[in-house]
Protein backbone atom coordinates (compact mmCIF):
# COMPACT_ATOMS: atom_id res chain seq x y z
CA LEU A 1 66.46 170.05 -49.96
CA ASN A 2 68.38 172.85 -51.70
CA LYS A 3 65.11 174.64 -52.39
CA GLN A 4 64.16 174.44 -48.71
CA GLU A 5 67.58 175.73 -47.68
CA ASN A 6 67.33 178.65 -50.10
CA THR A 7 63.84 179.50 -48.77
CA LEU A 8 65.14 179.36 -45.18
CA GLN A 9 68.11 181.58 -46.01
CA ALA A 10 65.86 184.09 -47.77
CA SER A 11 63.49 184.27 -44.80
CA THR A 12 66.43 184.63 -42.42
CA LEU A 13 67.91 187.53 -44.39
CA LYS A 14 64.57 189.31 -44.76
CA ILE A 15 64.22 192.22 -42.35
CA PRO A 16 60.76 192.28 -40.69
CA LEU A 17 58.75 195.48 -41.18
CA ARG A 18 58.55 196.17 -37.42
CA LEU A 19 62.31 195.96 -37.14
CA TRP A 20 62.55 198.97 -39.45
CA GLY A 21 60.59 200.83 -36.80
CA PHE A 22 63.31 200.09 -34.24
CA VAL A 23 65.93 201.12 -36.78
CA LEU A 24 64.23 204.49 -37.17
CA ILE A 25 63.90 204.94 -33.40
CA VAL A 26 67.63 204.35 -32.93
CA ILE A 27 68.54 206.66 -35.83
CA LEU A 28 66.49 209.44 -34.24
CA TYR A 29 68.07 208.66 -30.89
CA GLY A 30 71.53 208.76 -32.48
CA ILE A 31 70.78 212.22 -33.86
CA CYS A 32 69.85 213.40 -30.36
CA GLU A 33 72.86 211.79 -28.69
CA GLY A 34 75.21 213.06 -31.37
CA THR A 35 73.88 216.59 -30.96
CA LEU A 36 74.74 216.80 -27.27
CA GLY A 37 77.77 214.53 -27.46
CA SER A 38 79.41 216.34 -30.37
CA TYR A 39 78.19 219.91 -29.97
CA GLY A 40 77.41 220.19 -26.26
CA ALA A 41 80.75 221.82 -25.43
CA VAL A 42 80.58 224.14 -28.45
CA PHE A 43 77.07 225.16 -27.46
CA LEU A 44 78.08 225.96 -23.87
CA LYS A 45 81.02 227.99 -25.14
CA ASN A 46 78.67 229.92 -27.45
CA GLN A 47 76.43 230.58 -24.45
CA GLY A 48 79.27 232.61 -22.97
CA PHE A 49 80.70 230.04 -20.57
CA SER A 50 84.42 229.35 -20.26
CA ILE A 51 86.18 226.53 -22.11
CA LYS A 52 86.63 224.78 -18.75
CA THR A 53 82.90 224.95 -18.03
CA ALA A 54 82.10 223.71 -21.54
CA ALA A 55 84.45 220.75 -21.08
CA VAL A 56 82.89 219.94 -17.69
CA GLY A 57 79.43 220.08 -19.25
CA LEU A 58 80.42 217.61 -21.95
CA ALA A 59 82.02 215.31 -19.36
CA LEU A 60 78.85 215.46 -17.26
CA PHE A 61 76.75 214.48 -20.27
CA TRP A 62 78.87 211.41 -21.08
CA GLY A 63 79.26 210.58 -17.39
CA GLY A 64 75.50 210.75 -16.91
CA LEU A 65 75.01 208.55 -19.96
CA ALA A 66 77.44 205.90 -18.66
CA PHE A 67 76.14 206.02 -15.08
CA GLY A 68 72.54 205.84 -16.23
CA ARG A 69 73.21 202.80 -18.39
CA ILE A 70 74.75 200.96 -15.46
CA VAL A 71 71.73 201.75 -13.28
CA PHE A 72 69.32 200.87 -16.09
CA GLY A 73 71.06 197.54 -16.62
CA LEU A 74 70.75 196.67 -12.94
CA LEU A 75 67.12 197.75 -12.67
CA SER A 76 66.01 196.09 -15.90
CA ALA A 77 66.87 192.69 -14.42
CA ARG A 78 64.13 193.17 -11.82
CA PHE A 79 61.63 195.66 -13.21
CA LYS A 80 59.73 196.38 -16.42
CA MET A 81 61.40 199.48 -17.85
CA LYS A 82 59.46 200.36 -20.99
CA GLY A 83 57.33 202.95 -19.22
CA ILE A 84 60.40 204.58 -17.67
CA THR A 85 62.17 204.58 -21.03
CA LEU A 86 59.22 206.27 -22.74
CA LEU A 87 59.02 208.87 -19.96
CA SER A 88 62.76 209.52 -20.25
CA ALA A 89 62.41 210.03 -24.00
CA LEU A 90 59.60 212.52 -23.41
CA LEU A 91 61.69 214.47 -20.89
CA ILE A 92 64.52 214.64 -23.43
CA VAL A 93 62.21 216.70 -25.65
CA PHE A 94 61.94 219.31 -22.89
CA MET A 95 65.69 219.21 -22.19
CA PHE A 96 66.40 220.36 -25.75
CA TYR A 97 64.33 223.45 -25.01
CA LEU A 98 65.38 224.04 -21.40
CA ILE A 99 69.16 223.80 -21.87
CA PRO A 100 69.31 226.65 -24.45
CA MET A 101 67.14 228.79 -22.17
CA SER A 102 69.59 228.62 -19.26
CA THR A 103 72.14 231.38 -18.81
CA VAL A 104 73.26 230.18 -15.37
CA GLU A 105 76.37 228.00 -15.36
CA ASN A 106 75.27 225.52 -12.70
CA TRP A 107 71.85 225.03 -14.27
CA SER A 108 73.40 224.44 -17.68
CA LEU A 109 75.80 221.85 -16.24
CA LEU A 110 72.94 220.17 -14.40
CA GLY A 111 70.96 220.10 -17.64
CA MET A 112 73.81 218.38 -19.50
CA ALA A 113 74.16 215.74 -16.76
CA LEU A 114 70.42 215.15 -16.61
CA ALA A 115 70.21 214.86 -20.40
CA GLY A 116 72.85 212.13 -20.30
CA ILE A 117 71.01 210.23 -17.57
CA LEU A 118 67.68 210.50 -19.40
CA MET A 119 69.20 209.30 -22.67
CA SER A 120 70.99 206.39 -21.04
CA SER A 121 68.13 203.90 -21.22
CA LEU A 122 66.97 204.59 -24.77
CA PHE A 123 69.55 202.71 -26.82
CA PRO A 124 69.93 199.56 -24.67
CA SER A 125 66.16 199.40 -24.23
CA SER A 126 65.63 199.60 -27.99
CA VAL A 127 68.18 196.85 -28.63
CA ASN A 128 66.64 194.61 -25.97
CA TRP A 129 63.11 195.28 -27.18
CA ALA A 130 63.95 194.61 -30.84
CA THR A 131 65.87 191.45 -29.94
CA GLN A 132 62.99 190.07 -27.86
CA GLU A 133 60.68 190.47 -30.84
CA ASN A 134 63.21 188.89 -33.25
CA THR A 135 64.96 186.23 -31.17
CA SER A 136 65.85 184.11 -34.20
CA GLN A 137 67.69 187.06 -35.77
CA ALA A 138 69.46 188.40 -32.69
CA ILE A 139 72.82 188.95 -34.40
CA MET A 140 71.27 190.82 -37.30
CA VAL A 141 69.20 192.92 -34.87
CA SER A 142 72.27 193.89 -32.83
CA GLY A 143 74.19 194.81 -35.97
CA LEU A 144 71.34 196.93 -37.32
CA MET A 145 70.89 198.73 -34.01
CA VAL A 146 74.57 199.64 -33.70
CA ALA A 147 74.72 200.72 -37.35
CA SER A 148 71.58 202.82 -36.88
CA LEU A 149 73.10 204.54 -33.85
CA GLN A 150 76.25 205.37 -35.77
CA PHE A 151 74.23 206.56 -38.76
CA GLY A 152 72.14 208.86 -36.59
CA THR A 153 75.22 210.23 -34.85
CA GLY A 154 76.83 210.84 -38.22
CA ILE A 155 73.77 212.73 -39.45
CA SER A 156 73.79 215.11 -36.49
CA THR A 157 77.56 215.61 -36.55
CA ASN A 158 77.69 216.53 -40.23
CA PHE A 159 74.44 218.43 -40.66
CA LEU A 160 74.75 220.44 -37.44
CA GLY A 161 78.26 221.43 -38.49
CA PHE A 162 76.86 222.75 -41.76
CA LEU A 163 73.76 224.37 -40.27
CA SER A 164 75.62 225.98 -37.36
CA ALA A 165 77.29 228.27 -39.89
CA ILE A 166 73.83 229.61 -40.75
CA TYR A 167 71.76 229.26 -37.57
CA PRO A 168 72.70 229.61 -33.88
CA LEU A 169 73.20 226.35 -32.00
CA ALA A 170 70.56 227.38 -29.46
CA LEU A 171 67.98 227.33 -32.25
CA LEU A 172 69.31 224.06 -33.67
CA PHE A 173 69.02 222.45 -30.24
CA LYS A 174 65.35 223.41 -30.19
CA TRP A 175 64.95 221.85 -33.62
CA MET A 176 66.43 218.68 -32.16
CA GLY A 177 63.55 218.75 -29.71
CA LEU A 178 61.27 218.08 -32.68
CA ILE A 179 63.44 215.10 -33.64
CA ALA A 180 63.18 213.82 -30.07
CA PHE A 181 59.41 214.30 -30.15
CA GLY A 182 59.21 212.23 -33.34
CA MET A 183 61.21 209.51 -31.56
CA VAL A 184 58.76 209.57 -28.63
CA GLY A 185 55.78 209.27 -30.95
CA LEU A 186 57.30 206.30 -32.76
CA MET A 187 58.25 204.62 -29.46
CA TRP A 188 54.71 205.07 -28.19
CA TYR A 189 53.27 203.56 -31.36
CA MET A 190 55.69 200.62 -31.31
CA GLN A 191 54.97 199.99 -27.63
CA LYS A 192 51.22 200.07 -28.28
CA LYS A 193 51.67 197.38 -30.95
CA SER A 194 54.38 195.51 -29.06
CA LYS A 195 54.58 191.74 -28.83
CA SER A 196 56.92 192.00 -25.83
CA LYS A 197 55.68 193.16 -22.43
CA SER A 198 59.00 193.51 -20.59
């Protein structure tokens, strides 16, 4: 009996290989969210906008993120959202290139709000998707997803702070577009091999 219990505990603690894919997706997402959430206001200020405009831009990003998650939560109860989530992730790639290109205040603010809305579905969708594929390990999945988000945010916060002393933030934002593109590619691959259809 003890041997069976030990085997069960070992299998419970073992992290499935596919779950590492979700971990990586969320880390990449965390890097993207942390970039705009931590450096969005600094970037807008460096673009020549006022401190007030920079603060509004950051508020619009977080407001768009919160609003989008509410809408996503309501819609996900009735519709399959994986396609929308993948499309949103793809549009985020373009946002990292379009926002630095804008020199018009209203367009920059709109870009920050839109980026927040587009990002809103990515984290909850990843948590839901990973949990559906690992229902017997739901608590572990939730913990890993939150930790991955925080890890990704920490990476962007620390490394961008270091790199911004060497490179302009506008260029670093474009580099983040490559990170977002990697996230899209991994999401597409995971969806192609997915066990869950919702």
